[in-house]
């Protein structure tokens, strides 16, 4: 009886691992879409922004930060029925790097 929970855990882990790249790509695409709208507002060498763009930039940063704990939903095609399954990922490091690269500002995420 103890084999079944371990087998289910192993199956979930392999599904989680198999979907990691797709989840990261989807998350980073969303991040890029958000930052593309505001990155030109940040002066490239001085890391400054005009006062009229501050609120929109701050909102974009918050939207991107909210993507760091990302839930990826994929369709699983079973023998008897199809269903959606969610996998949770932590992309804090990727989000931090993207914010640093795109708007030249170091954002503290998760106490790091």
PDB file of N, CA and C in Angstrom:
ATOM      1  N   UNK A   1       0.797  -1.199   0.000  1.00  0.00           N
ATOM      2  CA  UNK A   1       0.000   0.000   0.000  1.00  0.00           C
ATOM      3  C   UNK A   1       0.846   1.272   0.000  1.00  0.00           C
ATOM      4  N   UNK A   2       2.040   1.214   0.529  1.00  0.00           N
ATOM      5  CA  UNK A   2       2.864   2.423   0.568  1.00  0.00           C
ATOM      6  C   UNK A   2       3.471   2.748  -0.783  1.00  0.00           C
ATOM      7  N   UNK A   3       3.466   1.815  -1.712  1.00  0.00           N
ATOM      8  CA  UNK A   3       4.043   2.070  -3.034  1.00  0.00           C
ATOM      9  C   UNK A   3       3.207   3.085  -3.816  1.00  0.00           C
ATOM     10  N   UNK A   4       1.908   3.005  -3.712  1.00  0.00           N
ATOM     11  CA  UNK A   4       1.038   3.878  -4.492  1.00  0.00           C
ATOM     12  C   UNK A   4       1.299   5.364  -4.248  1.00  0.00           C
ATOM     13  N   UNK A   5       1.372   5.840  -2.982  1.00  0.00           N
ATOM     14  CA  UNK A   5       1.656   7.273  -2.798  1.00  0.00           C
ATOM     15  C   UNK A   5       3.001   7.687  -3.385  1.00  0.00           C
ATOM     16  N   UNK A   6       4.028   6.811  -3.247  1.00  0.00           N
ATOM     17  CA  UNK A   6       5.319   7.146  -3.817  1.00  0.00           C
ATOM     18  C   UNK A   6       5.271   7.187  -5.339  1.00  0.00           C
ATOM     19  N   UNK A   7       4.534   6.256  -5.929  1.00  0.00           N
ATOM     20  CA  UNK A   7       4.405   6.238  -7.385  1.00  0.00           C
ATOM     21  C   UNK A   7       3.689   7.501  -7.862  1.00  0.00           C
ATOM     22  N   UNK A   8       2.653   7.913  -7.164  1.00  0.00           N
ATOM     23  CA  UNK A   8       1.943   9.129  -7.545  1.00  0.00           C
ATOM     24  C   UNK A   8       2.850  10.341  -7.421  1.00  0.00           C
ATOM     25  N   UNK A   9       3.650  10.387  -6.361  1.00  0.00           N
ATOM     26  CA  UNK A   9       4.579  11.494  -6.169  1.00  0.00           C
ATOM     27  C   UNK A   9       5.607  11.521  -7.292  1.00  0.00           C
ATOM     28  N   UNK A  10       6.138  10.371  -7.663  1.00  0.00           N
ATOM     29  CA  UNK A  10       7.113  10.298  -8.750  1.00  0.00           C
ATOM     30  C   UNK A  10       6.493  10.729 -10.071  1.00  0.00           C
ATOM     31  N   UNK A  11       5.251  10.309 -10.327  1.00  0.00           N
ATOM     32  CA  UNK A  11       4.570  10.715 -11.550  1.00  0.00           C
ATOM     33  C   UNK A  11       4.376  12.225 -11.580  1.00  0.00           C
ATOM     34  N   UNK A  12       3.966  12.780 -10.456  1.00  0.00           N
ATOM     35  CA  UNK A  12       3.762  14.232 -10.394  1.00  0.00           C
ATOM     36  C   UNK A  12       5.076  14.957 -10.602  1.00  0.00           C
ATOM     37  N   UNK A  13       6.142  14.475  -9.982  1.00  0.00           N
ATOM     38  CA  UNK A  13       7.448  15.115 -10.123  1.00  0.00           C
ATOM     39  C   UNK A  13       7.908  15.092 -11.576  1.00  0.00           C
ATOM     40  N   UNK A  14       7.708  13.970 -12.251  1.00  0.00           N
ATOM     41  CA  UNK A  14       8.144  13.910 -13.637  1.00  0.00           C
ATOM     42  C   UNK A  14       7.287  14.833 -14.514  1.00  0.00           C
ATOM     43  N   UNK A  15       5.979  14.906 -14.249  1.00  0.00           N
ATOM     44  CA  UNK A  15       5.114  15.838 -14.979  1.00  0.00           C
ATOM     45  C   UNK A  15       5.540  17.273 -14.680  1.00  0.00           C
ATOM     46  N   UNK A  16       5.854  17.555 -13.414  1.00  0.00           N
ATOM     47  CA  UNK A  16       6.297  18.886 -13.009  1.00  0.00           C
ATOM     48  C   UNK A  16       7.569  19.248 -13.769  1.00  0.00           C
ATOM     49  N   UNK A  17       8.513  18.322 -13.808  1.00  0.00           N
ATOM     50  CA  UNK A  17       9.782  18.560 -14.501  1.00  0.00           C
ATOM     51  C   UNK A  17       9.587  18.701 -16.005  1.00  0.00           C
ATOM     52  N   UNK A  18       8.699  17.896 -16.569  1.00  0.00           N
ATOM     53  CA  UNK A  18       8.460  17.945 -18.005  1.00  0.00           C
ATOM     54  C   UNK A  18       7.859  19.279 -18.430  1.00  0.00           C
ATOM     55  N   UNK A  19       7.073  19.885 -17.559  1.00  0.00           N
ATOM     56  CA  UNK A  19       6.401  21.133 -17.905  1.00  0.00           C
ATOM     57  C   UNK A  19       7.174  22.377 -17.485  1.00  0.00           C
ATOM     58  N   UNK A  20       8.313  22.209 -16.830  1.00  0.00           N
ATOM     59  CA  UNK A  20       9.070  23.340 -16.308  1.00  0.00           C
ATOM     60  C   UNK A  20       9.444  24.337 -17.403  1.00  0.00           C
ATOM     61  N   UNK A  21      10.014  23.862 -18.498  1.00  0.00           N
ATOM     62  CA  UNK A  21      10.456  24.760 -19.567  1.00  0.00           C
ATOM     63  C   UNK A  21       9.286  25.515 -20.196  1.00  0.00           C
ATOM     64  N   UNK A  22       8.181  24.824 -20.426  1.00  0.00           N
ATOM     65  CA  UNK A  22       7.006  25.486 -20.995  1.00  0.00           C
ATOM     66  C   UNK A  22       6.445  26.532 -20.032  1.00  0.00           C
ATOM     67  N   UNK A  23       6.429  26.199 -18.750  1.00  0.00           N
ATOM     68  CA  UNK A  23       5.935  27.151 -17.748  1.00  0.00           C
ATOM     69  C   UNK A  23       6.841  28.378 -17.680  1.00  0.00           C
ATOM     70  N   UNK A  24       8.155  28.157 -17.677  1.00  0.00           N
ATOM     71  CA  UNK A  24       9.096  29.272 -17.631  1.00  0.00           C
ATOM     72  C   UNK A  24       8.956  30.149 -18.877  1.00  0.00           C
ATOM     73  N   UNK A  25       8.825  29.527 -20.033  1.00  0.00           N
ATOM     74  CA  UNK A  25       8.668  30.293 -21.270  1.00  0.00           C
ATOM     75  C   UNK A  25       7.390  31.127 -21.242  1.00  0.00           C
ATOM     76  N   UNK A  26       6.300  30.537 -20.775  1.00  0.00           N
ATOM     77  CA  UNK A  26       5.032  31.264 -20.706  1.00  0.00           C
ATOM     78  C   UNK A  26       5.121  32.429 -19.716  1.00  0.00           C
ATOM     79  N   UNK A  27       5.733  32.173 -18.561  1.00  0.00           N
ATOM     80  CA  UNK A  27       5.897  33.226 -17.548  1.00  0.00           C
ATOM     81  C   UNK A  27       6.784  34.355 -18.063  1.00  0.00           C
ATOM     82  N   UNK A  28       7.875  34.012 -18.699  1.00  0.00           N
ATOM     83  CA  UNK A  28       8.799  35.041 -19.188  1.00  0.00           C
ATOM     84  C   UNK A  28       8.201  35.809 -20.367  1.00  0.00           C
ATOM     85  N   UNK A  29       7.347  35.181 -21.157  1.00  0.00           N
ATOM     86  CA  UNK A  29       6.653  35.891 -22.229  1.00  0.00           C
ATOM     87  C   UNK A  29       5.715  36.935 -21.645  1.00  0.00           C
ATOM     88  N   UNK A  30       4.979  36.562 -20.600  1.00  0.00           N
ATOM     89  CA  UNK A  30       4.110  37.523 -19.926  1.00  0.00           C
ATOM     90  C   UNK A  30       4.929  38.668 -19.328  1.00  0.00           C
ATOM     91  N   UNK A  31       6.054  38.327 -18.727  1.00  0.00           N
ATOM     92  CA  UNK A  31       6.946  39.337 -18.153  1.00  0.00           C
ATOM     93  C   UNK A  31       7.449  40.287 -19.230  1.00  0.00           C
ATOM     94  N   UNK A  32       7.891  39.733 -20.333  1.00  0.00           N
ATOM     95  CA  UNK A  32       8.379  40.561 -21.437  1.00  0.00           C
ATOM     96  C   UNK A  32       7.296  41.471 -21.988  1.00  0.00           C
ATOM     97  N   UNK A  33       6.084  40.968 -22.106  1.00  0.00           N
ATOM     98  CA  UNK A  33       4.982  41.780 -22.608  1.00  0.00           C
ATOM     99  C   UNK A  33       4.709  42.980 -21.704  1.00  0.00           C
ATOM    100  N   UNK A  34       4.765  42.759 -20.403  1.00  0.00           N
ATOM    101  CA  UNK A  34       4.536  43.849 -19.454  1.00  0.00           C
ATOM    102  C   UNK A  34       5.671  44.859 -19.502  1.00  0.00           C
ATOM    103  N   UNK A  35       6.902  44.366 -19.470  1.00  0.00           N
ATOM    104  CA  UNK A  35       8.055  45.277 -19.425  1.00  0.00           C
ATOM    105  C   UNK A  35       8.289  46.000 -20.747  1.00  0.00           C
ATOM    106  N   UNK A  36       7.867  45.396 -21.846  1.00  0.00           N
ATOM    107  CA  UNK A  36       8.038  46.039 -23.147  1.00  0.00           C
ATOM    108  C   UNK A  36       7.301  47.377 -23.205  1.00  0.00           C
ATOM    109  N   UNK A  37       6.181  47.456 -22.490  1.00  0.00           N
ATOM    110  CA  UNK A  37       5.387  48.677 -22.488  1.00  0.00           C
ATOM    111  C   UNK A  37       6.074  49.831 -21.752  1.00  0.00           C
ATOM    112  N   UNK A  38       6.955  49.528 -20.802  1.00  0.00           N
ATOM    113  CA  UNK A  38       7.501  50.585 -19.937  1.00  0.00           C
ATOM    114  C   UNK A  38       9.018  50.722 -19.967  1.00  0.00           C
ATOM    115  N   UNK A  39       9.735  49.773 -20.537  1.00  0.00           N
ATOM    116  CA  UNK A  39      11.193  49.810 -20.436  1.00  0.00           C
ATOM    117  C   UNK A  39      11.827  51.025 -21.115  1.00  0.00           C
ATOM    118  N   UNK A  40      11.188  51.558 -22.135  1.00  0.00           N
ATOM    119  CA  UNK A  40      11.749  52.728 -22.808  1.00  0.00           C
ATOM    120  C   UNK A  40      11.636  53.991 -21.966  1.00  0.00           C
ATOM    121  N   UNK A  41      10.809  53.962 -20.933  1.00  0.00           N
ATOM    122  CA  UNK A  41      10.647  55.126 -20.066  1.00  0.00           C
ATOM    123  C   UNK A  41      11.813  55.284 -19.086  1.00  0.00           C
ATOM    124  N   UNK A  42      12.559  54.219 -18.867  1.00  0.00           N
ATOM    125  CA  UNK A  42      13.675  54.261 -17.930  1.00  0.00           C
ATOM    126  C   UNK A  42      14.928  54.663 -18.700  1.00  0.00           C
ATOM    127  N   UNK A  43      15.566  55.742 -18.248  1.00  0.00           N
ATOM    128  CA  UNK A  43      16.801  56.203 -18.888  1.00  0.00           C
ATOM    129  C   UNK A  43      17.849  55.100 -18.751  1.00  0.00           C
ATOM    130  N   UNK A  44      18.480  54.685 -19.857  1.00  0.00           N
ATOM    131  CA  UNK A  44      19.352  53.507 -19.831  1.00  0.00           C
ATOM    132  C   UNK A  44      20.599  53.629 -18.953  1.00  0.00           C
ATOM    133  N   UNK A  45      21.184  54.809 -18.836  1.00  0.00           N
ATOM    134  CA  UNK A  45      22.412  54.923 -18.054  1.00  0.00           C
ATOM    135  C   UNK A  45      22.187  55.493 -16.661  1.00  0.00           C
ATOM    136  N   UNK A  46      21.154  56.297 -16.503  1.00  0.00           N
ATOM    137  CA  UNK A  46      20.914  56.922 -15.201  1.00  0.00           C
ATOM    138  C   UNK A  46      19.849  56.213 -14.384  1.00  0.00           C
ATOM    139  N   UNK A  47      19.120  55.285 -14.986  1.00  0.00           N
ATOM    140  CA  UNK A  47      18.034  54.557 -14.312  1.00  0.00           C
ATOM    141  C   UNK A  47      17.039  55.515 -13.673  1.00  0.00           C
ATOM    142  N   UNK A  48      16.672  56.554 -14.421  1.00  0.00           N
ATOM    143  CA  UNK A  48      15.673  57.512 -13.951  1.00  0.00           C
ATOM    144  C   UNK A  48      14.450  57.422 -14.853  1.00  0.00           C
ATOM    145  N   UNK A  49      13.337  57.959 -14.352  1.00  0.00           N
ATOM    146  CA  UNK A  49      12.099  57.941 -15.112  1.00  0.00           C
ATOM    147  C   UNK A  49      11.391  59.274 -14.893  1.00  0.00           C
ATOM    148  N   UNK A  50      10.708  59.762 -15.920  1.00  0.00           N
ATOM    149  CA  UNK A  50       9.952  61.004 -15.789  1.00  0.00           C
ATOM    150  C   UNK A  50       8.819  60.814 -14.793  1.00  0.00           C
ATOM    151  N   UNK A  51       8.510  61.870 -14.068  1.00  0.00           N
ATOM    152  CA  UNK A  51       7.519  61.805 -12.998  1.00  0.00           C
ATOM    153  C   UNK A  51       6.145  61.337 -13.483  1.00  0.00           C
ATOM    154  N   UNK A  52       5.758  61.698 -14.692  1.00  0.00           N
ATOM    155  CA  UNK A  52       4.433  61.292 -15.185  1.00  0.00           C
ATOM    156  C   UNK A  52       4.334  59.794 -15.485  1.00  0.00           C
ATOM    157  N   UNK A  53       5.478  59.112 -15.535  1.00  0.00           N
ATOM    158  CA  UNK A  53       5.477  57.673 -15.829  1.00  0.00           C
ATOM    159  C   UNK A  53       5.730  56.799 -14.601  1.00  0.00           C
ATOM    160  N   UNK A  54       5.933  57.405 -13.460  1.00  0.00           N
ATOM    161  CA  UNK A  54       6.309  56.656 -12.265  1.00  0.00           C
ATOM    162  C   UNK A  54       5.222  55.665 -11.848  1.00  0.00           C
ATOM    163  N   UNK A  55       3.983  56.098 -11.793  1.00  0.00           N
ATOM    164  CA  UNK A  55       2.905  55.230 -11.332  1.00  0.00           C
ATOM    165  C   UNK A  55       2.697  54.037 -12.267  1.00  0.00           C
ATOM    166  N   UNK A  56       2.737  54.283 -13.567  1.00  0.00           N
ATOM    167  CA  UNK A  56       2.566  53.191 -14.531  1.00  0.00           C
ATOM    168  C   UNK A  56       3.730  52.210 -14.431  1.00  0.00           C
ATOM    169  N   UNK A  57       4.938  52.728 -14.257  1.00  0.00           N
ATOM    170  CA  UNK A  57       6.112  51.869 -14.098  1.00  0.00           C
ATOM    171  C   UNK A  57       6.001  51.042 -12.819  1.00  0.00           C
ATOM    172  N   UNK A  58       5.573  51.664 -11.735  1.00  0.00           N
ATOM    173  CA  UNK A  58       5.411  50.941 -10.468  1.00  0.00           C
ATOM    174  C   UNK A  58       4.365  49.835 -10.601  1.00  0.00           C
ATOM    175  N   UNK A  59       3.274  50.124 -11.282  1.00  0.00           N
ATOM    176  CA  UNK A  59       2.240  49.105 -11.494  1.00  0.00           C
ATOM    177  C   UNK A  59       2.769  47.949 -12.342  1.00  0.00           C
ATOM    178  N   UNK A  60       3.562  48.259 -13.352  1.00  0.00           N
ATOM    179  CA  UNK A  60       4.148  47.209 -14.192  1.00  0.00           C
ATOM    180  C   UNK A  60       5.086  46.334 -13.373  1.00  0.00           C
ATOM    181  N   UNK A  61       5.872  46.944 -12.506  1.00  0.00           N
ATOM    182  CA  UNK A  61       6.787  46.186 -11.647  1.00  0.00           C
ATOM    183  C   UNK A  61       5.993  45.255 -10.730  1.00  0.00           C
ATOM    184  N   UNK A  62       4.920  45.756 -10.151  1.00  0.00           N
ATOM    185  CA  UNK A  62       4.090  44.919  -9.275  1.00  0.00           C
ATOM    186  C   UNK A  62       3.457  43.758 -10.042  1.00  0.00           C
ATOM    187  N   UNK A  63       3.012  44.014 -11.260  1.00  0.00           N
ATOM    188  CA  UNK A  63       2.438  42.936 -12.077  1.00  0.00           C
ATOM    189  C   UNK A  63       3.480  41.870 -12.383  1.00  0.00           C
ATOM    190  N   UNK A  64       4.683  42.293 -12.685  1.00  0.00           N
ATOM    191  CA  UNK A  64       5.754  41.337 -12.968  1.00  0.00           C
ATOM    192  C   UNK A  64       6.126  40.569 -11.706  1.00  0.00           C
ATOM    193  N   UNK A  65       6.235  41.265 -10.577  1.00  0.00           N
ATOM    194  CA  UNK A  65       6.573  40.592  -9.323  1.00  0.00           C
ATOM    195  C   UNK A  65       5.540  39.533  -8.949  1.00  0.00           C
ATOM    196  N   UNK A  66       4.289  39.776  -9.304  1.00  0.00           N
ATOM    197  CA  UNK A  66       3.242  38.808  -8.974  1.00  0.00           C
ATOM    198  C   UNK A  66       3.359  37.521  -9.795  1.00  0.00           C
ATOM    199  N   UNK A  67       4.141  37.539 -10.848  1.00  0.00           N
ATOM    200  CA  UNK A  67       4.334  36.342 -11.684  1.00  0.00           C
ATOM    201  C   UNK A  67       5.399  35.395 -11.144  1.00  0.00           C
ATOM    202  N   UNK A  68       6.120  35.791 -10.107  1.00  0.00           N
ATOM    203  CA  UNK A  68       7.239  34.961  -9.654  1.00  0.00           C
ATOM    204  C   UNK A  68       6.806  33.610  -9.119  1.00  0.00           C
ATOM    205  N   UNK A  69       5.635  33.515  -8.497  1.00  0.00           N
ATOM    206  CA  UNK A  69       5.063  32.217  -8.125  1.00  0.00           C
ATOM    207  C   UNK A  69       4.001  31.905  -9.162  1.00  0.00           C
ATOM    208  N   UNK A  70       4.388  31.131 -10.138  1.00  0.00           N
ATOM    209  CA  UNK A  70       3.594  30.956 -11.341  1.00  0.00           C
ATOM    210  C   UNK A  70       2.902  29.598 -11.351  1.00  0.00           C
ATOM    211  N   UNK A  71       1.619  29.593 -11.676  1.00  0.00           N
ATOM    212  CA  UNK A  71       0.861  28.361 -11.816  1.00  0.00           C
ATOM    213  C   UNK A  71       0.650  28.098 -13.300  1.00  0.00           C
ATOM    214  N   UNK A  72       1.156  26.980 -13.745  1.00  0.00           N
ATOM    215  CA  UNK A  72       1.057  26.582 -15.141  1.00  0.00           C
ATOM    216  C   UNK A  72       0.003  25.492 -15.252  1.00  0.00           C
ATOM    217  N   UNK A  73      -0.952  25.691 -16.121  1.00  0.00           N
ATOM    218  CA  UNK A  73      -2.024  24.721 -16.323  1.00  0.00           C
ATOM    219  C   UNK A  73      -1.834  24.031 -17.666  1.00  0.00           C
ATOM    220  N   UNK A  74      -1.871  22.726 -17.637  1.00  0.00           N
ATOM    221  CA  UNK A  74      -1.708  21.952 -18.861  1.00  0.00           C
ATOM    222  C   UNK A  74      -2.831  20.923 -18.963  1.00  0.00           C
ATOM    223  N   UNK A  75      -3.155  20.569 -20.164  1.00  0.00           N
ATOM    224  CA  UNK A  75      -4.203  19.588 -20.425  1.00  0.00           C
ATOM    225  C   UNK A  75      -3.584  18.199 -20.386  1.00  0.00           C
ATOM    226  N   UNK A  76      -4.153  17.313 -19.595  1.00  0.00           N
ATOM    227  CA  UNK A  76      -3.694  15.932 -19.488  1.00  0.00           C
ATOM    228  C   UNK A  76      -4.738  15.055 -20.176  1.00  0.00           C
ATOM    229  N   UNK A  77      -4.274  14.278 -21.120  1.00  0.00           N
ATOM    230  CA  UNK A  77      -5.171  13.401 -21.878  1.00  0.00           C
ATOM    231  C   UNK A  77      -5.085  12.000 -21.295  1.00  0.00           C
ATOM    232  N   UNK A  78      -6.108  11.640 -20.538  1.00  0.00           N
ATOM    233  CA  UNK A  78      -6.141  10.342 -19.876  1.00  0.00           C
ATOM    234  C   UNK A  78      -6.801   9.290 -20.730  1.00  0.00           C
ATOM    235  N   UNK A  79      -6.755   8.080 -20.241  1.00  0.00           N
ATOM    236  CA  UNK A  79      -7.350   6.961 -20.969  1.00  0.00           C
ATOM    237  C   UNK A  79      -8.869   7.086 -21.022  1.00  0.00           C
ATOM    238  N   UNK A  80      -9.465   7.526 -19.912  1.00  0.00           N
ATOM    239  CA  UNK A  80     -10.928   7.606 -19.843  1.00  0.00           C
ATOM    240  C   UNK A  80     -11.470   9.026 -19.876  1.00  0.00           C
ATOM    241  N   UNK A  81     -10.667  10.000 -19.500  1.00  0.00           N
ATOM    242  CA  UNK A  81     -11.129  11.389 -19.529  1.00  0.00           C
ATOM    243  C   UNK A  81      -9.932  12.327 -19.603  1.00  0.00           C
ATOM    244  N   UNK A  82     -10.168  13.501 -20.121  1.00  0.00           N
ATOM    245  CA  UNK A  82      -9.150  14.545 -20.186  1.00  0.00           C
ATOM    246  C   UNK A  82      -9.416  15.536 -19.057  1.00  0.00           C
ATOM    247  N   UNK A  83      -8.353  16.123 -18.522  1.00  0.00           N
ATOM    248  CA  UNK A  83      -8.507  17.074 -17.432  1.00  0.00           C
ATOM    249  C   UNK A  83      -7.337  18.057 -17.439  1.00  0.00           C
ATOM    250  N   UNK A  84      -7.536  19.186 -16.750  1.00  0.00           N
ATOM    251  CA  UNK A  84      -6.483  20.177 -16.592  1.00  0.00           C
ATOM    252  C   UNK A  84      -5.768  19.921 -15.277  1.00  0.00           C
ATOM    253  N   UNK A  85      -4.448  20.072 -15.297  1.00  0.00           N
ATOM    254  CA  UNK A  85      -3.662  19.907 -14.084  1.00  0.00           C
ATOM    255  C   UNK A  85      -2.778  21.141 -13.909  1.00  0.00           C
ATOM    256  N   UNK A  86      -2.715  21.618 -12.675  1.00  0.00           N
ATOM    257  CA  UNK A  86      -1.906  22.798 -12.347  1.00  0.00           C
ATOM    258  C   UNK A  86      -0.584  22.372 -11.738  1.00  0.00           C
ATOM    259  N   UNK A  87       0.469  23.076 -12.132  1.00  0.00           N
ATOM    260  CA  UNK A  87       1.793  22.882 -11.568  1.00  0.00           C
ATOM    261  C   UNK A  87       2.299  24.245 -11.112  1.00  0.00           C
ATOM    262  N   UNK A  88       2.817  24.314  -9.894  1.00  0.00           N
ATOM    263  CA  UNK A  88       3.302  25.570  -9.330  1.00  0.00           C
ATOM    264  C   UNK A  88       4.817  25.635  -9.420  1.00  0.00           C
ATOM    265  N   UNK A  89       5.315  26.794  -9.832  1.00  0.00           N
ATOM    266  CA  UNK A  89       6.747  27.006  -9.999  1.00  0.00           C
ATOM    267  C   UNK A  89       7.164  28.303  -9.324  1.00  0.00           C
ATOM    268  N   UNK A  90       8.412  28.357  -8.905  1.00  0.00           N
ATOM    269  CA  UNK A  90       8.990  29.562  -8.320  1.00  0.00           C
ATOM    270  C   UNK A  90      10.030  30.109  -9.297  1.00  0.00           C
ATOM    271  N   UNK A  91       9.671  31.209  -9.959  1.00  0.00           N
ATOM    272  CA  UNK A  91      10.571  31.839 -10.926  1.00  0.00           C
ATOM    273  C   UNK A  91      11.133  33.149 -10.390  1.00  0.00           C
ATOM    274  N   UNK A  92      11.363  33.204  -9.089  1.00  0.00           N
ATOM    275  CA  UNK A  92      11.862  34.431  -8.468  1.00  0.00           C
ATOM    276  C   UNK A  92      13.176  34.886  -9.091  1.00  0.00           C
ATOM    277  N   UNK A  93      14.105  33.980  -9.283  1.00  0.00           N
ATOM    278  CA  UNK A  93      15.413  34.359  -9.836  1.00  0.00           C
ATOM    279  C   UNK A  93      15.290  34.880 -11.268  1.00  0.00           C
ATOM    280  N   UNK A  94      14.452  34.249 -12.069  1.00  0.00           N
ATOM    281  CA  UNK A  94      14.265  34.688 -13.451  1.00  0.00           C
ATOM    282  C   UNK A  94      13.588  36.062 -13.508  1.00  0.00           C
ATOM    283  N   UNK A  95      12.601  36.281 -12.639  1.00  0.00           N
ATOM    284  CA  UNK A  95      11.909  37.571 -12.596  1.00  0.00           C
ATOM    285  C   UNK A  95      12.872  38.657 -12.150  1.00  0.00           C
ATOM    286  N   UNK A  96      13.657  38.366 -11.119  1.00  0.00           N
ATOM    287  CA  UNK A  96      14.630  39.340 -10.628  1.00  0.00           C
ATOM    288  C   UNK A  96      15.611  39.717 -11.735  1.00  0.00           C
ATOM    289  N   UNK A  97      16.111  38.730 -12.456  1.00  0.00           N
ATOM    290  CA  UNK A  97      17.066  38.992 -13.531  1.00  0.00           C
ATOM    291  C   UNK A  97      16.422  39.794 -14.656  1.00  0.00           C
ATOM    292  N   UNK A  98      15.193  39.483 -14.988  1.00  0.00           N
ATOM    293  CA  UNK A  98      14.502  40.199 -16.050  1.00  0.00           C
ATOM    294  C   UNK A  98      14.278  41.665 -15.679  1.00  0.00           C
ATOM    295  N   UNK A  99      13.857  41.909 -14.446  1.00  0.00           N
ATOM    296  CA  UNK A  99      13.667  43.290 -13.997  1.00  0.00           C
ATOM    297  C   UNK A  99      14.994  44.050 -13.986  1.00  0.00           C
ATOM    298  N   UNK A 100      16.049  43.392 -13.557  1.00  0.00           N
ATOM    299  CA  UNK A 100      17.373  44.023 -13.530  1.00  0.00           C
ATOM    300  C   UNK A 100      17.834  44.366 -14.951  1.00  0.00           C
ATOM    301  N   UNK A 101      17.674  43.430 -15.865  1.00  0.00           N
ATOM    302  CA  UNK A 101      18.140  43.636 -17.235  1.00  0.00           C
ATOM    303  C   UNK A 101      17.298  44.647 -18.005  1.00  0.00           C
ATOM    304  N   UNK A 102      15.994  44.591 -17.821  1.00  0.00           N
ATOM    305  CA  UNK A 102      15.099  45.386 -18.654  1.00  0.00           C
ATOM    306  C   UNK A 102      14.899  46.818 -18.173  1.00  0.00           C
ATOM    307  N   UNK A 103      14.882  47.030 -16.840  1.00  0.00           N
ATOM    308  CA  UNK A 103      14.665  48.400 -16.365  1.00  0.00           C
ATOM    309  C   UNK A 103      15.824  48.911 -15.514  1.00  0.00           C
ATOM    310  N   UNK A 104      16.933  48.171 -15.507  1.00  0.00           N
ATOM    311  CA  UNK A 104      18.168  48.600 -14.840  1.00  0.00           C
ATOM    312  C   UNK A 104      17.964  48.983 -13.387  1.00  0.00           C
ATOM    313  N   UNK A 105      17.208  48.189 -12.688  1.00  0.00           N
ATOM    314  CA  UNK A 105      16.962  48.487 -11.295  1.00  0.00           C
ATOM    315  C   UNK A 105      16.892  47.186 -10.522  1.00  0.00           C
ATOM    316  N   UNK A 106      17.623  47.134  -9.429  1.00  0.00           N
ATOM    317  CA  UNK A 106      17.646  45.911  -8.622  1.00  0.00           C
ATOM    318  C   UNK A 106      16.423  45.899  -7.714  1.00  0.00           C
ATOM    319  N   UNK A 107      15.609  44.885  -7.891  1.00  0.00           N
ATOM    320  CA  UNK A 107      14.382  44.700  -7.126  1.00  0.00           C
ATOM    321  C   UNK A 107      14.634  43.600  -6.102  1.00  0.00           C
ATOM    322  N   UNK A 108      14.263  43.859  -4.854  1.00  0.00           N
ATOM    323  CA  UNK A 108      14.377  42.838  -3.819  1.00  0.00           C
ATOM    324  C   UNK A 108      13.111  42.000  -3.825  1.00  0.00           C
ATOM    325  N   UNK A 109      13.296  40.715  -4.038  1.00  0.00           N
ATOM    326  CA  UNK A 109      12.177  39.772  -4.050  1.00  0.00           C
ATOM    327  C   UNK A 109      12.469  38.650  -3.073  1.00  0.00           C
ATOM    328  N   UNK A 110      11.527  38.315  -2.251  1.00  0.00           N
ATOM    329  CA  UNK A 110      11.673  37.184  -1.344  1.00  0.00           C
ATOM    330  C   UNK A 110      12.791  37.332  -0.350  1.00  0.00           C
ATOM    331  N   UNK A 111      13.068  38.557   0.062  1.00  0.00           N
ATOM    332  CA  UNK A 111      14.105  38.782   1.064  1.00  0.00           C
ATOM    333  C   UNK A 111      15.525  38.656   0.538  1.00  0.00           C
ATOM    334  N   UNK A 112      15.691  38.519  -0.760  1.00  0.00           N
ATOM    335  CA  UNK A 112      17.036  38.376  -1.348  1.00  0.00           C
ATOM    336  C   UNK A 112      17.450  39.668  -2.007  1.00  0.00           C
TER     337      UNK A 112
END
